[in-house]
Amino acid sequence: MLEKRDADRSLTREQRKERAKQAARVGRRASYDLPPALIHHVRRIGEKERTPASQVAAALLAHGLRRYWMGEIDLRAFKVPSDSPRYEWNLNLERLLEKVSQAVEASGEA
C-alpha cells in the first residue's frame, strides 16, 4: 500500500487525474473484434449526430438487445458452423453488413 502511495506521489496532477478517470471506467468498458465496415458506420452516425461514437455504439447495442429479447431479431439466418471447439456457431457478419449497406443506400445517405 505504501509503495502505491509513493508511486502516486511521483505522478503529476494530470497523470493522477487520468489514473483516477481510468479507474472509474473499470467494469464499464468492453472490447469486441468488429469488422472495419461496422466501425465505419458507427463513426459516421456519430459524426452525423454530433455524438461520441462509443455512445452511438452503446445506443445501437441497447436497441438491438431490446429487439433481440423481444423476439424481433433472429440470428439463425446468419449462423454458420464454427471450427472452434469453444463455439458451435459463428455469425456471418459480411452477410449482415450487406443488409446494412442496402439500408444505407435506401436511406439516401450512401
C-alpha atoms as a PDB file:
ATOM      1  CA  MET A   1       0.000   0.000   0.000  1.00  0.00           C
ATOM      2  CA  LEU A   2       2.833   2.401   0.838  1.00  0.00           C
ATOM      3  CA  GLU A   3       4.516   1.575  -2.477  1.00  0.00           C
ATOM      4  CA  LYS A   4       1.373   2.550  -4.389  1.00  0.00           C
ATOM      5  CA  ARG A   5       1.078   5.774  -2.426  1.00  0.00           C
ATOM      6  CA  ASP A   6       4.732   6.592  -3.148  1.00  0.00           C
ATOM      7  CA  ALA A   7       4.215   5.823  -6.833  1.00  0.00           C
ATOM      8  CA  ASP A   8       1.141   8.088  -6.881  1.00  0.00           C
ATOM      9  CA  ARG A   9       3.160  10.922  -5.375  1.00  0.00           C
ATOM     10  CA  SER A  10       5.641  10.760  -8.239  1.00  0.00           C
ATOM     11  CA  LEU A  11       2.855  11.402 -10.784  1.00  0.00           C
ATOM     12  CA  THR A  12       1.907  14.837 -11.978  1.00  0.00           C
ATOM     13  CA  ARG A  13      -1.523  16.180 -11.096  1.00  0.00           C
ATOM     14  CA  GLU A  14      -2.701  15.480 -14.654  1.00  0.00           C
ATOM     15  CA  GLN A  15      -1.401  11.895 -14.501  1.00  0.00           C
ATOM     16  CA  ARG A  16      -3.180  11.293 -11.177  1.00  0.00           C
ATOM     17  CA  LYS A  17      -6.368  12.724 -12.654  1.00  0.00           C
ATOM     18  CA  GLU A  18      -6.061  10.436 -15.712  1.00  0.00           C
ATOM     19  CA  ARG A  19      -5.366   7.416 -13.490  1.00  0.00           C
ATOM     20  CA  ALA A  20      -8.497   8.164 -11.435  1.00  0.00           C
ATOM     21  CA  LYS A  21     -10.527   8.565 -14.625  1.00  0.00           C
ATOM     22  CA  GLN A  22      -9.308   5.190 -15.930  1.00  0.00           C
ATOM     23  CA  ALA A  23     -10.000   3.520 -12.578  1.00  0.00           C
ATOM     24  CA  ALA A  24     -13.572   4.834 -12.669  1.00  0.00           C
ATOM     25  CA  ARG A  25     -14.062   3.193 -16.076  1.00  0.00           C
ATOM     26  CA  VAL A  26     -13.270  -0.310 -14.796  1.00  0.00           C
ATOM     27  CA  GLY A  27     -16.266  -2.538 -15.426  1.00  0.00           C
ATOM     28  CA  ARG A  28     -17.722  -0.077 -17.922  1.00  0.00           C
ATOM     29  CA  ARG A  29     -15.528  -0.971 -20.866  1.00  0.00           C
ATOM     30  CA  ALA A  30     -15.670  -3.882 -23.275  1.00  0.00           C
ATOM     31  CA  SER A  31     -13.622  -4.748 -26.312  1.00  0.00           C
ATOM     32  CA  TYR A  32     -15.029  -6.598 -29.313  1.00  0.00           C
ATOM     33  CA  ASP A  33     -13.461  -7.544 -32.621  1.00  0.00           C
ATOM     34  CA  LEU A  34     -15.626  -5.799 -35.206  1.00  0.00           C
ATOM     35  CA  PRO A  35     -15.421  -5.582 -38.981  1.00  0.00           C
ATOM     36  CA  PRO A  36     -13.984  -2.261 -40.197  1.00  0.00           C
ATOM     37  CA  ALA A  37     -17.219  -1.514 -42.085  1.00  0.00           C
ATOM     38  CA  LEU A  38     -19.215  -1.706 -38.855  1.00  0.00           C
ATOM     39  CA  ILE A  39     -16.800   0.634 -37.096  1.00  0.00           C
ATOM     40  CA  HIS A  40     -17.065   2.996 -40.078  1.00  0.00           C
ATOM     41  CA  HIS A  41     -20.882   3.071 -39.855  1.00  0.00           C
ATOM     42  CA  VAL A  42     -20.798   3.791 -36.113  1.00  0.00           C
ATOM     43  CA  ARG A  43     -18.306   6.630 -36.612  1.00  0.00           C
ATOM     44  CA  ARG A  44     -20.344   8.004 -39.491  1.00  0.00           C
ATOM     45  CA  ILE A  45     -23.515   8.071 -37.398  1.00  0.00           C
ATOM     46  CA  GLY A  46     -21.580   9.740 -34.578  1.00  0.00           C
ATOM     47  CA  GLU A  47     -20.414  12.451 -36.959  1.00  0.00           C
ATOM     48  CA  LYS A  48     -23.901  12.880 -38.388  1.00  0.00           C
ATOM     49  CA  GLU A  49     -25.490  13.088 -34.932  1.00  0.00           C
ATOM     50  CA  ARG A  50     -22.524  15.009 -33.474  1.00  0.00           C
ATOM     51  CA  THR A  51     -22.142  12.498 -30.630  1.00  0.00           C
ATOM     52  CA  PRO A  52     -19.282  10.237 -29.487  1.00  0.00           C
ATOM     53  CA  ALA A  53     -19.017   7.013 -31.478  1.00  0.00           C
ATOM     54  CA  SER A  54     -18.911   4.998 -28.237  1.00  0.00           C
ATOM     55  CA  GLN A  55     -22.310   6.399 -27.256  1.00  0.00           C
ATOM     56  CA  VAL A  56     -23.699   5.628 -30.721  1.00  0.00           C
ATOM     57  CA  ALA A  57     -22.408   2.055 -30.374  1.00  0.00           C
ATOM     58  CA  ALA A  58     -23.954   1.772 -26.897  1.00  0.00           C
ATOM     59  CA  ALA A  59     -27.320   3.118 -28.095  1.00  0.00           C
ATOM     60  CA  LEU A  60     -27.419   0.816 -31.114  1.00  0.00           C
ATOM     61  CA  LEU A  61     -26.367  -2.148 -28.994  1.00  0.00           C
ATOM     62  CA  ALA A  62     -29.083  -1.357 -26.438  1.00  0.00           C
ATOM     63  CA  HIS A  63     -31.703  -1.090 -29.205  1.00  0.00           C
ATOM     64  CA  GLY A  64     -30.504  -4.358 -30.689  1.00  0.00           C
ATOM     65  CA  LEU A  65     -30.569  -6.099 -27.325  1.00  0.00           C
ATOM     66  CA  ARG A  66     -34.106  -4.901 -26.633  1.00  0.00           C
ATOM     67  CA  ARG A  67     -35.272  -6.069 -30.054  1.00  0.00           C
ATOM     68  CA  TYR A  68     -33.459  -9.410 -29.659  1.00  0.00           C
ATOM     69  CA  TRP A  69     -35.106 -10.158 -26.305  1.00  0.00           C
ATOM     70  CA  MET A  70     -38.489  -9.107 -27.688  1.00  0.00           C
ATOM     71  CA  GLY A  71     -38.062 -11.719 -30.426  1.00  0.00           C
ATOM     72  CA  GLU A  72     -37.717  -9.168 -33.212  1.00  0.00           C
ATOM     73  CA  ILE A  73     -34.184 -10.199 -34.193  1.00  0.00           C
ATOM     74  CA  ASP A  74     -33.405 -13.734 -35.297  1.00  0.00           C
ATOM     75  CA  LEU A  75     -29.723 -14.571 -35.656  1.00  0.00           C
ATOM     76  CA  ARG A  76     -30.341 -18.019 -37.171  1.00  0.00           C
ATOM     77  CA  ALA A  77     -30.190 -16.619 -40.723  1.00  0.00           C
ATOM     78  CA  PHE A  78     -26.611 -15.507 -40.094  1.00  0.00           C
ATOM     79  CA  LYS A  79     -25.305 -18.597 -38.284  1.00  0.00           C
ATOM     80  CA  VAL A  80     -22.554 -20.672 -39.869  1.00  0.00           C
ATOM     81  CA  PRO A  81     -20.801 -23.652 -38.276  1.00  0.00           C
ATOM     82  CA  SER A  82     -17.728 -22.767 -36.248  1.00  0.00           C
ATOM     83  CA  ASP A  83     -14.364 -24.511 -36.417  1.00  0.00           C
ATOM     84  CA  SER A  84     -13.735 -23.548 -32.808  1.00  0.00           C
ATOM     85  CA  PRO A  85     -14.199 -26.179 -30.096  1.00  0.00           C
ATOM     86  CA  ARG A  86     -15.480 -23.367 -27.873  1.00  0.00           C
ATOM     87  CA  TYR A  87     -18.400 -22.235 -30.059  1.00  0.00           C
ATOM     88  CA  GLU A  88     -20.880 -24.191 -32.108  1.00  0.00           C
ATOM     89  CA  TRP A  89     -21.683 -21.242 -34.363  1.00  0.00           C
ATOM     90  CA  ASN A  90     -20.203 -18.069 -35.799  1.00  0.00           C
ATOM     91  CA  LEU A  91     -22.237 -15.287 -37.339  1.00  0.00           C
ATOM     92  CA  ASN A  92     -21.709 -14.373 -40.980  1.00  0.00           C
ATOM     93  CA  LEU A  93     -21.149 -10.678 -40.365  1.00  0.00           C
ATOM     94  CA  GLU A  94     -20.409  -9.963 -44.032  1.00  0.00           C
ATOM     95  CA  ARG A  95     -23.919 -11.067 -44.914  1.00  0.00           C
ATOM     96  CA  LEU A  96     -25.363  -8.920 -42.149  1.00  0.00           C
ATOM     97  CA  LEU A  97     -23.290  -5.918 -43.261  1.00  0.00           C
ATOM     98  CA  GLU A  98     -24.645  -6.339 -46.802  1.00  0.00           C
ATOM     99  CA  LYS A  99     -28.085  -5.673 -45.324  1.00  0.00           C
ATOM    100  CA  VAL A 100     -26.724  -2.612 -43.518  1.00  0.00           C
ATOM    101  CA  SER A 101     -25.267  -1.289 -46.781  1.00  0.00           C
ATOM    102  CA  GLN A 102     -28.606  -1.845 -48.526  1.00  0.00           C
ATOM    103  CA  ALA A 103     -30.379   0.108 -45.788  1.00  0.00           C
ATOM    104  CA  VAL A 104     -27.851   2.968 -46.042  1.00  0.00           C
ATOM    105  CA  GLU A 105     -28.341   3.134 -49.814  1.00  0.00           C
ATOM    106  CA  ALA A 106     -32.137   3.066 -49.438  1.00  0.00           C
ATOM    107  CA  SER A 107     -31.919   5.940 -46.947  1.00  0.00           C
ATOM    108  CA  GLY A 108     -30.088   8.141 -49.442  1.00  0.00           C
ATOM    109  CA  GLU A 109     -27.142   8.523 -47.034  1.00  0.00           C
ATOM    110  CA  ALA A 110     -24.746   6.481 -49.190  1.00  0.00           C
END
